[in-house]
Amino acid sequence: MTPERLVTAIGLPRLRNLFAMALIESVPNFSEGRDPAKVDAIAEAMRADGVYLLDRHMDADHNRSVITLAGSREALMEAVLRGIGKAAEVIDLTRHRGVHPRLGATDVVPFVPIEGVTLEDCAQMARQVGAQVWQRYRIPVYLYESAATRPERVQLENLRRGQFEGLRDEIATNPDRMPDFGEPRVHPTAGATVIGARKFLVAYNIFLNTSDVEIARKIARTVRFSSGGLPFVKAMGVLVRGLAQLSMNLTDTDQTPIARVFELVSSEAARHGVAVLSSEIVGLVPKKALEDAAGLFLQVENFDSSIILEDRLAAVKAQAKPAG
């Protein structure tokens, strides 16, 4: 959605009120990327005063959608809760298949501080929403990143081990899999949800010019921090649109810039006799994370400034100012 359409849809007075408050981002990930009607229903359920939709990304191969919201504290929490409820209505995880790991219909919900709030504020929001998810929908909740209750739950991949099916088999008998909110049983069709607070994350994917996904998996092992690679990088190799893809989360692009990740993936690809075909950014990205030559050097598909978070917010603010 362009800033102009965003302003038209939400209205100038509401936007002025929004930007006068503390601003929080939330990026719920839903396990549906093939049926636009279902994603539309989830997005519609999250519409509210004090909240607006910044971006929506659907991926059929991952069978996953990522919706980026920003808003004030109470309004944003309620919008997220309604989205989780609607996802539980329209998504049946027992029928879900996709290359991306998942635990729930609403798989993960991070809260991210943008303006006038701290990471601990966002962690408290995660705890409040987690408690409400169990009370309203009987979906068990795990807390991660800055909201985590145990060191081993900081990393999302630890919680996703075995995915929905593995959790369903273990949750009642393995004390390590006891949820932070709720009883030790998954929702029969909506699974479980992971909620937390984190700094801004860049979801960055690189496509190789091969369908050999094993090459992507080998490069992922070299690149990701958990197996000795770059700090603040999470990576896995998957097959998307018939191509091997490095699917990555970059959790601190100040410490490990996108360009550094691209360079390492490129050199590792060459070592395996393949090359980088292109890359993509899922959702929005802070301006600081990109260089002026990002479109050329990073080979980002369909790159333009509208995907930069600060540019989108600045454009909306400019439109919201009264004339004169």
C-alpha atoms as a PDB file:
ATOM      1  CA  MET A   1       0.000   0.000   0.000  1.00  0.00           C
ATOM      2  CA  THR A   2       1.392   3.408  -0.930  1.00  0.00           C
ATOM      3  CA  PRO A   3       1.575   6.164   1.725  1.00  0.00           C
ATOM      4  CA  GLU A   4      -1.145   8.072  -0.135  1.00  0.00           C
ATOM      5  CA  ARG A   5      -3.519   5.093  -0.058  1.00  0.00           C
ATOM      6  CA  LEU A   6      -2.590   4.524   3.595  1.00  0.00           C
ATOM      7  CA  VAL A   7      -3.575   8.077   4.492  1.00  0.00           C
ATOM      8  CA  THR A   8      -6.815   7.807   2.514  1.00  0.00           C
ATOM      9  CA  ALA A   9      -7.739   4.512   4.176  1.00  0.00           C
ATOM     10  CA  ILE A  10      -6.997   5.611   7.744  1.00  0.00           C
ATOM     11  CA  GLY A  11      -7.742   9.325   7.773  1.00  0.00           C
ATOM     12  CA  LEU A  12      -5.567  12.285   8.733  1.00  0.00           C
ATOM     13  CA  PRO A  13      -6.912  12.951  12.256  1.00  0.00           C
ATOM     14  CA  ARG A  14      -6.307   9.344  13.324  1.00  0.00           C
ATOM     15  CA  LEU A  15      -2.777   9.417  11.915  1.00  0.00           C
ATOM     16  CA  ARG A  16      -1.980  12.625  13.769  1.00  0.00           C
ATOM     17  CA  ASN A  17      -3.127  11.004  16.996  1.00  0.00           C
ATOM     18  CA  LEU A  18      -1.104   7.870  16.226  1.00  0.00           C
ATOM     19  CA  PHE A  19       2.183   9.670  15.738  1.00  0.00           C
ATOM     20  CA  ALA A  20       1.703  11.748  18.887  1.00  0.00           C
ATOM     21  CA  MET A  21       1.903   8.507  20.906  1.00  0.00           C
ATOM     22  CA  ALA A  22       4.565   5.939  21.574  1.00  0.00           C
ATOM     23  CA  LEU A  23       4.884   3.782  18.477  1.00  0.00           C
ATOM     24  CA  ILE A  24       5.311   0.007  18.479  1.00  0.00           C
ATOM     25  CA  GLU A  25       5.611  -2.384  15.567  1.00  0.00           C
ATOM     26  CA  SER A  26       4.294  -5.926  15.499  1.00  0.00           C
ATOM     27  CA  VAL A  27       5.025  -8.453  12.766  1.00  0.00           C
ATOM     28  CA  PRO A  28       2.724 -11.472  13.182  1.00  0.00           C
ATOM     29  CA  ASN A  29       3.565 -14.467  10.978  1.00  0.00           C
ATOM     30  CA  PHE A  30       0.611 -16.606   9.913  1.00  0.00           C
ATOM     31  CA  SER A  31       0.755 -20.140   8.490  1.00  0.00           C
ATOM     32  CA  GLU A  32      -1.141 -19.329   5.311  1.00  0.00           C
ATOM     33  CA  GLY A  33       0.417 -18.065   2.106  1.00  0.00           C
ATOM     34  CA  ARG A  34      -1.753 -19.571  -0.627  1.00  0.00           C
ATOM     35  CA  ASP A  35      -5.299 -18.387   0.029  1.00  0.00           C
ATOM     36  CA  PRO A  36      -5.620 -14.579  -0.219  1.00  0.00           C
ATOM     37  CA  ALA A  37      -9.165 -14.686   1.156  1.00  0.00           C
ATOM     38  CA  LYS A  38      -7.941 -16.151   4.449  1.00  0.00           C
ATOM     39  CA  VAL A  39      -5.133 -13.611   4.750  1.00  0.00           C
ATOM     40  CA  ASP A  40      -7.602 -10.830   3.904  1.00  0.00           C
ATOM     41  CA  ALA A  41      -9.858 -12.034   6.715  1.00  0.00           C
ATOM     42  CA  ILE A  42      -6.975 -12.000   9.206  1.00  0.00           C
ATOM     43  CA  ALA A  43      -5.839  -8.532   8.113  1.00  0.00           C
ATOM     44  CA  GLU A  44      -9.400  -7.214   8.301  1.00  0.00           C
ATOM     45  CA  ALA A  45      -9.780  -8.560  11.838  1.00  0.00           C
ATOM     46  CA  MET A  46      -6.778  -6.479  12.910  1.00  0.00           C
ATOM     47  CA  ARG A  47      -8.094  -3.154  11.629  1.00  0.00           C
ATOM     48  CA  ALA A  48      -8.574  -0.707  14.483  1.00  0.00           C
ATOM     49  CA  ASP A  49      -8.227   2.926  15.497  1.00  0.00           C
ATOM     50  CA  GLY A  50      -4.629   3.614  16.458  1.00  0.00           C
ATOM     51  CA  VAL A  51      -3.301   0.750  14.322  1.00  0.00           C
ATOM     52  CA  TYR A  52      -2.464   0.580  10.666  1.00  0.00           C
ATOM     53  CA  LEU A  53      -1.016  -1.936   8.268  1.00  0.00           C
ATOM     54  CA  LEU A  54       2.443  -1.078   6.908  1.00  0.00           C
ATOM     55  CA  ASP A  55       3.094  -4.145   4.798  1.00  0.00           C
ATOM     56  CA  ARG A  56       1.762  -7.579   3.854  1.00  0.00           C
ATOM     57  CA  HIS A  57       3.798 -10.378   2.304  1.00  0.00           C
ATOM     58  CA  MET A  58       2.470 -13.767   1.155  1.00  0.00           C
ATOM     59  CA  ASP A  59       4.665 -16.674   0.048  1.00  0.00           C
ATOM     60  CA  ALA A  60       3.076 -19.804  -1.416  1.00  0.00           C
ATOM     61  CA  ASP A  61       6.166 -22.019  -1.107  1.00  0.00           C
ATOM     62  CA  HIS A  62       6.694 -21.098   2.538  1.00  0.00           C
ATOM     63  CA  ASN A  63       2.870 -21.152   2.886  1.00  0.00           C
ATOM     64  CA  ARG A  64       3.223 -18.196   5.192  1.00  0.00           C
ATOM     65  CA  SER A  65       2.180 -14.570   5.429  1.00  0.00           C
ATOM     66  CA  VAL A  66       3.909 -11.768   7.285  1.00  0.00           C
ATOM     67  CA  ILE A  67       1.828  -8.722   8.219  1.00  0.00           C
ATOM     68  CA  THR A  68       3.541  -5.605   9.551  1.00  0.00           C
ATOM     69  CA  LEU A  69       1.501  -3.403  11.873  1.00  0.00           C
ATOM     70  CA  ALA A  70       2.345  -0.256  13.791  1.00  0.00           C
ATOM     71  CA  GLY A  71       0.361   1.543  16.424  1.00  0.00           C
ATOM     72  CA  SER A  72      -0.172   2.563  20.009  1.00  0.00           C
ATOM     73  CA  ARG A  73       0.213   0.069  22.827  1.00  0.00           C
ATOM     74  CA  GLU A  74      -3.328  -0.920  23.811  1.00  0.00           C
ATOM     75  CA  ALA A  75      -4.772  -0.717  20.305  1.00  0.00           C
ATOM     76  CA  LEU A  76      -1.962  -2.777  18.837  1.00  0.00           C
ATOM     77  CA  MET A  77      -2.277  -5.512  21.456  1.00  0.00           C
ATOM     78  CA  GLU A  78      -6.009  -5.826  20.833  1.00  0.00           C
ATOM     79  CA  ALA A  79      -5.521  -5.870  17.061  1.00  0.00           C
ATOM     80  CA  VAL A  80      -2.959  -8.659  17.340  1.00  0.00           C
ATOM     81  CA  LEU A  81      -5.279 -10.652  19.599  1.00  0.00           C
ATOM     82  CA  ARG A  82      -8.091 -10.389  17.068  1.00  0.00           C
ATOM     83  CA  GLY A  83      -5.745 -11.489  14.288  1.00  0.00           C
ATOM     84  CA  ILE A  84      -4.702 -14.536  16.294  1.00  0.00           C
ATOM     85  CA  GLY A  85      -8.354 -15.400  16.890  1.00  0.00           C
ATOM     86  CA  LYS A  86      -9.247 -15.076  13.224  1.00  0.00           C
ATOM     87  CA  ALA A  87      -6.225 -17.174  12.191  1.00  0.00           C
ATOM     88  CA  ALA A  88      -7.434 -19.920  14.533  1.00  0.00           C
ATOM     89  CA  GLU A  89     -10.795 -19.829  12.741  1.00  0.00           C
ATOM     90  CA  VAL A  90      -9.524 -20.010   9.158  1.00  0.00           C
ATOM     91  CA  ILE A  91      -6.265 -22.026   9.375  1.00  0.00           C
ATOM     92  CA  ASP A  92      -6.140 -25.761  10.083  1.00  0.00           C
ATOM     93  CA  LEU A  93      -2.549 -26.670  10.856  1.00  0.00           C
ATOM     94  CA  THR A  94      -3.223 -30.371  10.427  1.00  0.00           C
ATOM     95  CA  ARG A  95      -3.693 -29.633   6.706  1.00  0.00           C
ATOM     96  CA  HIS A  96      -0.847 -27.141   6.396  1.00  0.00           C
ATOM     97  CA  ARG A  97       2.207 -27.916   4.275  1.00  0.00           C
ATOM     98  CA  GLY A  98       5.049 -25.523   3.465  1.00  0.00           C
ATOM     99  CA  VAL A  99       8.824 -25.273   3.529  1.00  0.00           C
ATOM    100  CA  HIS A 100       8.924 -22.887   6.507  1.00  0.00           C
ATOM    101  CA  PRO A 101       8.921 -24.390  10.006  1.00  0.00           C
ATOM    102  CA  ARG A 102       5.854 -23.571  12.114  1.00  0.00           C
ATOM    103  CA  LEU A 103       4.203 -24.283  15.465  1.00  0.00           C
ATOM    104  CA  GLY A 104       0.894 -22.552  15.015  1.00  0.00           C
ATOM    105  CA  ALA A 105      -1.718 -20.972  12.792  1.00  0.00           C
ATOM    106  CA  THR A 106      -0.300 -17.749  14.198  1.00  0.00           C
ATOM    107  CA  ASP A 107       3.265 -18.951  14.377  1.00  0.00           C
ATOM    108  CA  VAL A 108       5.161 -16.059  15.909  1.00  0.00           C
ATOM    109  CA  VAL A 109       4.297 -12.526  17.073  1.00  0.00           C
ATOM    110  CA  PRO A 110       7.154 -10.145  17.875  1.00  0.00           C
ATOM    111  CA  PHE A 111       6.679  -6.670  19.338  1.00  0.00           C
ATOM    112  CA  VAL A 112       9.354  -4.179  18.285  1.00  0.00           C
ATOM    113  CA  PRO A 113      10.033  -0.742  19.825  1.00  0.00           C
ATOM    114  CA  ILE A 114      10.063   2.068  17.274  1.00  0.00           C
ATOM    115  CA  GLU A 115       9.494   5.376  19.072  1.00  0.00           C
ATOM    116  CA  GLY A 116       8.947   6.324  22.715  1.00  0.00           C
ATOM    117  CA  VAL A 117       9.056   2.757  24.107  1.00  0.00           C
ATOM    118  CA  THR A 118      11.712   0.364  25.356  1.00  0.00           C
ATOM    119  CA  LEU A 119      12.379  -3.287  24.627  1.00  0.00           C
ATOM    120  CA  GLU A 120      11.178  -4.125  28.145  1.00  0.00           C
ATOM    121  CA  ASP A 121       7.915  -2.294  27.430  1.00  0.00           C
ATOM    122  CA  CYS A 122       7.466  -4.563  24.428  1.00  0.00           C
ATOM    123  CA  ALA A 123       8.321  -7.638  26.498  1.00  0.00           C
ATOM    124  CA  GLN A 124       5.565  -6.681  28.930  1.00  0.00           C
ATOM    125  CA  MET A 125       3.158  -6.370  26.000  1.00  0.00           C
ATOM    126  CA  ALA A 126       4.163  -9.860  24.866  1.00  0.00           C
ATOM    127  CA  ARG A 127       3.365 -11.248  28.320  1.00  0.00           C
ATOM    128  CA  GLN A 128      -0.029  -9.546  28.427  1.00  0.00           C
ATOM    129  CA  VAL A 129      -0.967 -10.742  24.964  1.00  0.00           C
ATOM    130  CA  GLY A 130       0.281 -14.258  25.734  1.00  0.00           C
ATOM    131  CA  ALA A 131      -1.967 -14.514  28.778  1.00  0.00           C
ATOM    132  CA  GLN A 132      -4.950 -13.280  26.771  1.00  0.00           C
ATOM    133  CA  VAL A 133      -4.334 -15.713  23.893  1.00  0.00           C
ATOM    134  CA  TRP A 134      -4.726 -18.635  26.272  1.00  0.00           C
ATOM    135  CA  GLN A 135      -7.720 -17.121  28.068  1.00  0.00           C
ATOM    136  CA  ARG A 136      -9.622 -16.256  24.875  1.00  0.00           C
ATOM    137  CA  TYR A 137      -8.656 -18.991  22.447  1.00  0.00           C
ATOM    138  CA  ARG A 138      -7.124 -21.831  24.484  1.00  0.00           C
ATOM    139  CA  ILE A 139      -3.959 -21.674  22.385  1.00  0.00           C
ATOM    140  CA  PRO A 140      -0.801 -22.320  24.440  1.00  0.00           C
ATOM    141  CA  VAL A 141       1.857 -19.610  24.240  1.00  0.00           C
ATOM    142  CA  TYR A 142       5.645 -19.614  24.494  1.00  0.00           C
ATOM    143  CA  LEU A 143       7.642 -16.445  25.150  1.00  0.00           C
ATOM    144  CA  TYR A 144      10.869 -15.788  23.234  1.00  0.00           C
ATOM    145  CA  GLU A 145      13.688 -13.256  22.721  1.00  0.00           C
ATOM    146  CA  SER A 146      13.545 -10.428  25.310  1.00  0.00           C
ATOM    147  CA  ALA A 147      10.329 -11.811  26.819  1.00  0.00           C
ATOM    148  CA  ALA A 148      11.720 -15.341  27.297  1.00  0.00           C
ATOM    149  CA  THR A 149      11.368 -16.945  30.724  1.00  0.00           C
ATOM    150  CA  ARG A 150      14.257 -19.381  30.207  1.00  0.00           C
ATOM    151  CA  PRO A 151      17.636 -18.950  28.466  1.00  0.00           C
ATOM    152  CA  GLU A 152      16.941 -21.826  26.080  1.00  0.00           C
ATOM    153  CA  ARG A 153      13.742 -20.122  24.917  1.00  0.00           C
ATOM    154  CA  VAL A 154      15.409 -16.917  23.758  1.00  0.00           C
ATOM    155  CA  GLN A 155      16.070 -18.449  20.331  1.00  0.00           C
ATOM    156  CA  LEU A 156      12.958 -19.099  18.268  1.00  0.00           C
ATOM    157  CA  GLU A 157      14.447 -22.141  16.558  1.00  0.00           C
ATOM    158  CA  ASN A 158      14.700 -23.945  19.912  1.00  0.00           C
ATOM    159  CA  LEU A 159      10.973 -23.528  20.473  1.00  0.00           C
ATOM    160  CA  ARG A 160      10.140 -24.643  16.926  1.00  0.00           C
ATOM    161  CA  ARG A 161      12.041 -27.919  17.228  1.00  0.00           C
ATOM    162  CA  GLY A 162       9.901 -30.697  15.773  1.00  0.00           C
ATOM    163  CA  GLN A 163       7.365 -28.149  14.539  1.00  0.00           C
ATOM    164  CA  PHE A 164       3.634 -28.509  15.253  1.00  0.00           C
ATOM    165  CA  GLU A 165       3.619 -32.290  14.941  1.00  0.00           C
ATOM    166  CA  GLY A 166       6.589 -32.761  17.269  1.00  0.00           C
ATOM    167  CA  LEU A 167       5.173 -30.395  19.863  1.00  0.00           C
ATOM    168  CA  ARG A 168       1.795 -32.115  19.683  1.00  0.00           C
ATOM    169  CA  ASP A 169       3.477 -35.432  20.517  1.00  0.00           C
ATOM    170  CA  GLU A 170       5.713 -34.114  23.332  1.00  0.00           C
ATOM    171  CA  ILE A 171       3.939 -31.260  25.057  1.00  0.00           C
ATOM    172  CA  ALA A 172       2.063 -33.413  27.572  1.00  0.00           C
ATOM    173  CA  THR A 173       5.018 -35.563  28.609  1.00  0.00           C
ATOM    174  CA  ASN A 174       8.148 -33.409  28.251  1.00  0.00           C
ATOM    175  CA  PRO A 175       8.510 -30.788  31.031  1.00  0.00           C
ATOM    176  CA  ASP A 176      10.858 -28.762  28.811  1.00  0.00           C
ATOM    177  CA  ARG A 177       7.939 -28.133  26.470  1.00  0.00           C
ATOM    178  CA  MET A 178       5.541 -26.786  29.081  1.00  0.00           C
ATOM    179  CA  PRO A 179       4.092 -23.533  27.674  1.00  0.00           C
ATOM    180  CA  ASP A 180       4.513 -20.211  29.446  1.00  0.00           C
ATOM    181  CA  PHE A 181       0.756 -19.677  29.245  1.00  0.00           C
ATOM    182  CA  GLY A 182      -1.794 -22.454  29.101  1.00  0.00           C
ATOM    183  CA  GLU A 183      -2.045 -26.157  29.699  1.00  0.00           C
ATOM    184  CA  PRO A 184       0.362 -28.715  28.165  1.00  0.00           C
ATOM    185  CA  ARG A 185      -1.747 -29.424  25.089  1.00  0.00           C
ATOM    186  CA  VAL A 186      -1.795 -27.847  21.663  1.00  0.00           C
ATOM    187  CA  HIS A 187      -4.918 -26.365  20.153  1.00  0.00           C
ATOM    188  CA  PRO A 188      -6.131 -29.171  17.850  1.00  0.00           C
ATOM    189  CA  THR A 189      -6.006 -27.049  14.667  1.00  0.00           C
ATOM    190  CA  ALA A 190      -4.228 -23.802  15.654  1.00  0.00           C
ATOM    191  CA  GLY A 191      -1.281 -25.416  17.459  1.00  0.00           C
ATOM    192  CA  ALA A 192       0.719 -23.059  19.671  1.00  0.00           C
ATOM    193  CA  THR A 193       1.924 -19.485  19.311  1.00  0.00           C
ATOM    194  CA  VAL A 194       5.291 -17.898  20.126  1.00  0.00           C
ATOM    195  CA  ILE A 195       5.180 -14.279  21.298  1.00  0.00           C
ATOM    196  CA  GLY A 196       8.048 -12.005  22.250  1.00  0.00           C
ATOM    197  CA  ALA A 197       9.897  -8.720  22.000  1.00  0.00           C
ATOM    198  CA  ARG A 198      12.955  -8.043  19.900  1.00  0.00           C
ATOM    199  CA  LYS A 199      14.887  -5.390  18.076  1.00  0.00           C
ATOM    200  CA  PHE A 200      14.157  -4.731  14.440  1.00  0.00           C
ATOM    201  CA  LEU A 201      14.863  -7.795  12.313  1.00  0.00           C
ATOM    202  CA  VAL A 202      15.513  -7.967   8.572  1.00  0.00           C
ATOM    203  CA  ALA A 203      14.085 -11.020   6.809  1.00  0.00           C
ATOM    204  CA  TYR A 204      16.449 -11.495   3.884  1.00  0.00           C
ATOM    205  CA  ASN A 205      16.390 -14.331   1.337  1.00  0.00           C
ATOM    206  CA  ILE A 206      18.947 -15.161  -1.336  1.00  0.00           C
ATOM    207  CA  PHE A 207      18.146 -17.322  -4.362  1.00  0.00           C
ATOM    208  CA  LEU A 208      20.813 -19.498  -5.995  1.00  0.00           C
ATOM    209  CA  ASN A 209      20.876 -20.460  -9.657  1.00  0.00           C
ATOM    210  CA  THR A 210      20.317 -24.100  -8.823  1.00  0.00           C
ATOM    211  CA  SER A 211      17.526 -26.358  -7.654  1.00  0.00           C
ATOM    212  CA  ASP A 212      19.946 -28.332  -5.462  1.00  0.00           C
ATOM    213  CA  VAL A 213      18.627 -27.416  -2.028  1.00  0.00           C
ATOM    214  CA  GLU A 214      21.436 -29.369  -0.347  1.00  0.00           C
ATOM    215  CA  ILE A 215      23.859 -26.679  -1.527  1.00  0.00           C
ATOM    216  CA  ALA A 216      21.694 -24.025   0.125  1.00  0.00           C
ATOM    217  CA  ARG A 217      21.651 -26.060   3.345  1.00  0.00           C
ATOM    218  CA  LYS A 218      25.449 -26.361   3.329  1.00  0.00           C
ATOM    219  CA  ILE A 219      25.830 -22.615   2.812  1.00  0.00           C
ATOM    220  CA  ALA A 220      23.282 -21.964   5.588  1.00  0.00           C
ATOM    221  CA  ARG A 221      25.402 -23.996   7.999  1.00  0.00           C
ATOM    222  CA  THR A 222      28.414 -21.854   7.093  1.00  0.00           C
ATOM    223  CA  VAL A 223      26.557 -18.554   7.351  1.00  0.00           C
ATOM    224  CA  ARG A 224      24.419 -18.921  10.481  1.00  0.00           C
ATOM    225  CA  PHE A 225      25.840 -18.083  13.885  1.00  0.00           C
ATOM    226  CA  SER A 226      24.541 -21.212  15.646  1.00  0.00           C
ATOM    227  CA  SER A 227      26.897 -23.389  13.601  1.00  0.00           C
ATOM    228  CA  GLY A 228      29.911 -21.060  13.695  1.00  0.00           C
ATOM    229  CA  GLY A 229      29.021 -18.438  11.098  1.00  0.00           C
ATOM    230  CA  LEU A 230      28.236 -14.746  11.249  1.00  0.00           C
ATOM    231  CA  PRO A 231      26.885 -13.193  14.461  1.00  0.00           C
ATOM    232  CA  PHE A 232      23.214 -12.174  14.417  1.00  0.00           C
ATOM    233  CA  VAL A 233      22.426 -14.370  11.422  1.00  0.00           C
ATOM    234  CA  LYS A 234      19.896 -17.219  11.319  1.00  0.00           C
ATOM    235  CA  ALA A 235      19.717 -19.191   8.091  1.00  0.00           C
ATOM    236  CA  MET A 236      18.209 -22.288   6.537  1.00  0.00           C
ATOM    237  CA  GLY A 237      18.205 -23.748   3.045  1.00  0.00           C
ATOM    238  CA  VAL A 238      14.849 -24.396   1.364  1.00  0.00           C
ATOM    239  CA  LEU A 239      13.406 -24.965  -2.101  1.00  0.00           C
ATOM    240  CA  VAL A 240      11.287 -22.023  -3.298  1.00  0.00           C
ATOM    241  CA  ARG A 241       9.829 -21.583  -6.784  1.00  0.00           C
ATOM    242  CA  GLY A 242      12.060 -24.390  -7.993  1.00  0.00           C
ATOM    243  CA  LEU A 243      15.220 -22.679  -6.759  1.00  0.00           C
ATOM    244  CA  ALA A 244      17.466 -23.244  -3.768  1.00  0.00           C
ATOM    245  CA  GLN A 245      16.970 -20.388  -1.325  1.00  0.00           C
ATOM    246  CA  LEU A 246      18.889 -19.156   1.725  1.00  0.00           C
ATOM    247  CA  SER A 247      16.086 -18.001   4.035  1.00  0.00           C
ATOM    248  CA  MET A 248      17.625 -15.743   6.683  1.00  0.00           C
ATOM    249  CA  ASN A 249      16.783 -13.542   9.637  1.00  0.00           C
ATOM    250  CA  LEU A 250      19.336 -10.812  10.355  1.00  0.00           C
ATOM    251  CA  THR A 251      18.798  -9.771  13.957  1.00  0.00           C
ATOM    252  CA  ASP A 252      21.315  -6.912  14.180  1.00  0.00           C
ATOM    253  CA  THR A 253      22.311  -5.342  10.880  1.00  0.00           C
ATOM    254  CA  ASP A 254      24.460  -2.761  12.686  1.00  0.00           C
ATOM    255  CA  GLN A 255      26.742  -5.558  13.881  1.00  0.00           C
ATOM    256  CA  THR A 256      26.443  -7.776  10.793  1.00  0.00           C
ATOM    257  CA  PRO A 257      25.466  -5.672   7.767  1.00  0.00           C
ATOM    258  CA  ILE A 258      23.384  -7.117   4.945  1.00  0.00           C
ATOM    259  CA  ALA A 259      26.306  -6.549   2.568  1.00  0.00           C
ATOM    260  CA  ARG A 260      28.543  -8.786   4.702  1.00  0.00           C
ATOM    261  CA  VAL A 261      25.969 -11.572   4.566  1.00  0.00           C
ATOM    262  CA  PHE A 262      25.589 -11.204   0.815  1.00  0.00           C
ATOM    263  CA  GLU A 263      29.363 -11.350   0.292  1.00  0.00           C
ATOM    264  CA  LEU A 264      29.746 -14.521   2.332  1.00  0.00           C
ATOM    265  CA  VAL A 265      26.827 -16.268   0.623  1.00  0.00           C
ATOM    266  CA  SER A 266      28.213 -15.276  -2.781  1.00  0.00           C
ATOM    267  CA  SER A 267      31.678 -16.625  -2.023  1.00  0.00           C
ATOM    268  CA  GLU A 268      30.279 -19.848  -0.575  1.00  0.00           C
ATOM    269  CA  ALA A 269      28.014 -20.282  -3.587  1.00  0.00           C
ATOM    270  CA  ALA A 270      31.011 -19.948  -5.902  1.00  0.00           C
ATOM    271  CA  ARG A 271      32.885 -22.514  -3.837  1.00  0.00           C
ATOM    272  CA  HIS A 272      30.030 -24.946  -4.498  1.00  0.00           C
ATOM    273  CA  GLY A 273      29.984 -24.152  -8.213  1.00  0.00           C
ATOM    274  CA  VAL A 274      26.799 -22.046  -8.245  1.00  0.00           C
ATOM    275  CA  ALA A 275      25.994 -18.331  -8.112  1.00  0.00           C
ATOM    276  CA  VAL A 276      23.594 -15.904  -6.477  1.00  0.00           C
ATOM    277  CA  LEU A 277      20.635 -15.280  -8.761  1.00  0.00           C
ATOM    278  CA  SER A 278      18.813 -12.607  -6.768  1.00  0.00           C
ATOM    279  CA  SER A 279      17.694 -11.674  -3.274  1.00  0.00           C
ATOM    280  CA  GLU A 280      14.548 -10.385  -1.600  1.00  0.00           C
ATOM    281  CA  ILE A 281      13.572  -8.553   1.545  1.00  0.00           C
ATOM    282  CA  VAL A 282      10.398  -9.711   3.286  1.00  0.00           C
ATOM    283  CA  GLY A 283       8.504  -6.876   4.924  1.00  0.00           C
ATOM    284  CA  LEU A 284      10.169  -3.561   5.743  1.00  0.00           C
ATOM    285  CA  VAL A 285      13.785  -2.648   6.386  1.00  0.00           C
ATOM    286  CA  PRO A 286      15.388   0.261   8.299  1.00  0.00           C
ATOM    287  CA  LYS A 287      17.098   2.773   6.026  1.00  0.00           C
ATOM    288  CA  LYS A 288      20.353   2.353   7.949  1.00  0.00           C
ATOM    289  CA  ALA A 289      20.494  -1.297   6.909  1.00  0.00           C
ATOM    290  CA  LEU A 290      20.798  -0.465   3.211  1.00  0.00           C
ATOM    291  CA  GLU A 291      23.488   1.370   1.278  1.00  0.00           C
ATOM    292  CA  ASP A 292      22.649   3.687  -1.601  1.00  0.00           C
ATOM    293  CA  ALA A 293      23.677   0.973  -4.057  1.00  0.00           C
ATOM    294  CA  ALA A 294      21.494  -1.727  -2.463  1.00  0.00           C
ATOM    295  CA  GLY A 295      19.423  -2.269  -5.574  1.00  0.00           C
ATOM    296  CA  LEU A 296      22.542  -3.101  -7.594  1.00  0.00           C
ATOM    297  CA  PHE A 297      24.921  -4.656  -5.088  1.00  0.00           C
ATOM    298  CA  LEU A 298      22.401  -6.772  -3.182  1.00  0.00           C
ATOM    299  CA  GLN A 299      20.381  -7.656  -6.288  1.00  0.00           C
ATOM    300  CA  VAL A 300      17.140  -7.081  -4.351  1.00  0.00           C
ATOM    301  CA  GLU A 301      14.136  -7.960  -6.491  1.00  0.00           C
ATOM    302  CA  ASN A 302      11.951  -4.957  -7.377  1.00  0.00           C
ATOM    303  CA  PHE A 303      13.851  -2.682  -5.009  1.00  0.00           C
ATOM    304  CA  ASP A 304      12.427   0.776  -4.359  1.00  0.00           C
ATOM    305  CA  SER A 305      12.382   3.151  -1.415  1.00  0.00           C
ATOM    306  CA  SER A 306       8.805   2.257  -0.440  1.00  0.00           C
ATOM    307  CA  ILE A 307      10.060  -0.832   1.428  1.00  0.00           C
ATOM    308  CA  ILE A 308      12.203   1.300   3.767  1.00  0.00           C
ATOM    309  CA  LEU A 309      10.455   1.677   7.123  1.00  0.00           C
ATOM    310  CA  GLU A 310      11.553   5.241   7.844  1.00  0.00           C
ATOM    311  CA  ASP A 311      10.624   6.418   4.340  1.00  0.00           C
ATOM    312  CA  ARG A 312       7.139   4.934   4.650  1.00  0.00           C
ATOM    313  CA  LEU A 313       6.630   6.502   8.085  1.00  0.00           C
ATOM    314  CA  ALA A 314       8.034   9.870   6.957  1.00  0.00           C
ATOM    315  CA  ALA A 315       5.747   9.941   3.941  1.00  0.00           C
ATOM    316  CA  VAL A 316       2.712   9.174   6.084  1.00  0.00           C
ATOM    317  CA  LYS A 317       3.693  11.851   8.624  1.00  0.00           C
ATOM    318  CA  ALA A 318       4.145  14.412   5.845  1.00  0.00           C
ATOM    319  CA  GLN A 319       0.711  13.613   4.450  1.00  0.00           C
ATOM    320  CA  ALA A 320      -0.781  13.877   7.929  1.00  0.00           C
ATOM    321  CA  LYS A 321       0.460  17.444   8.615  1.00  0.00           C
ATOM    322  CA  PRO A 322      -2.146  20.168   8.204  1.00  0.00           C
ATOM    323  CA  ALA A 323      -1.659  22.519   5.261  1.00  0.00           C
ATOM    324  CA  GLY A 324       0.128  25.828   5.909  1.00  0.00           C
END
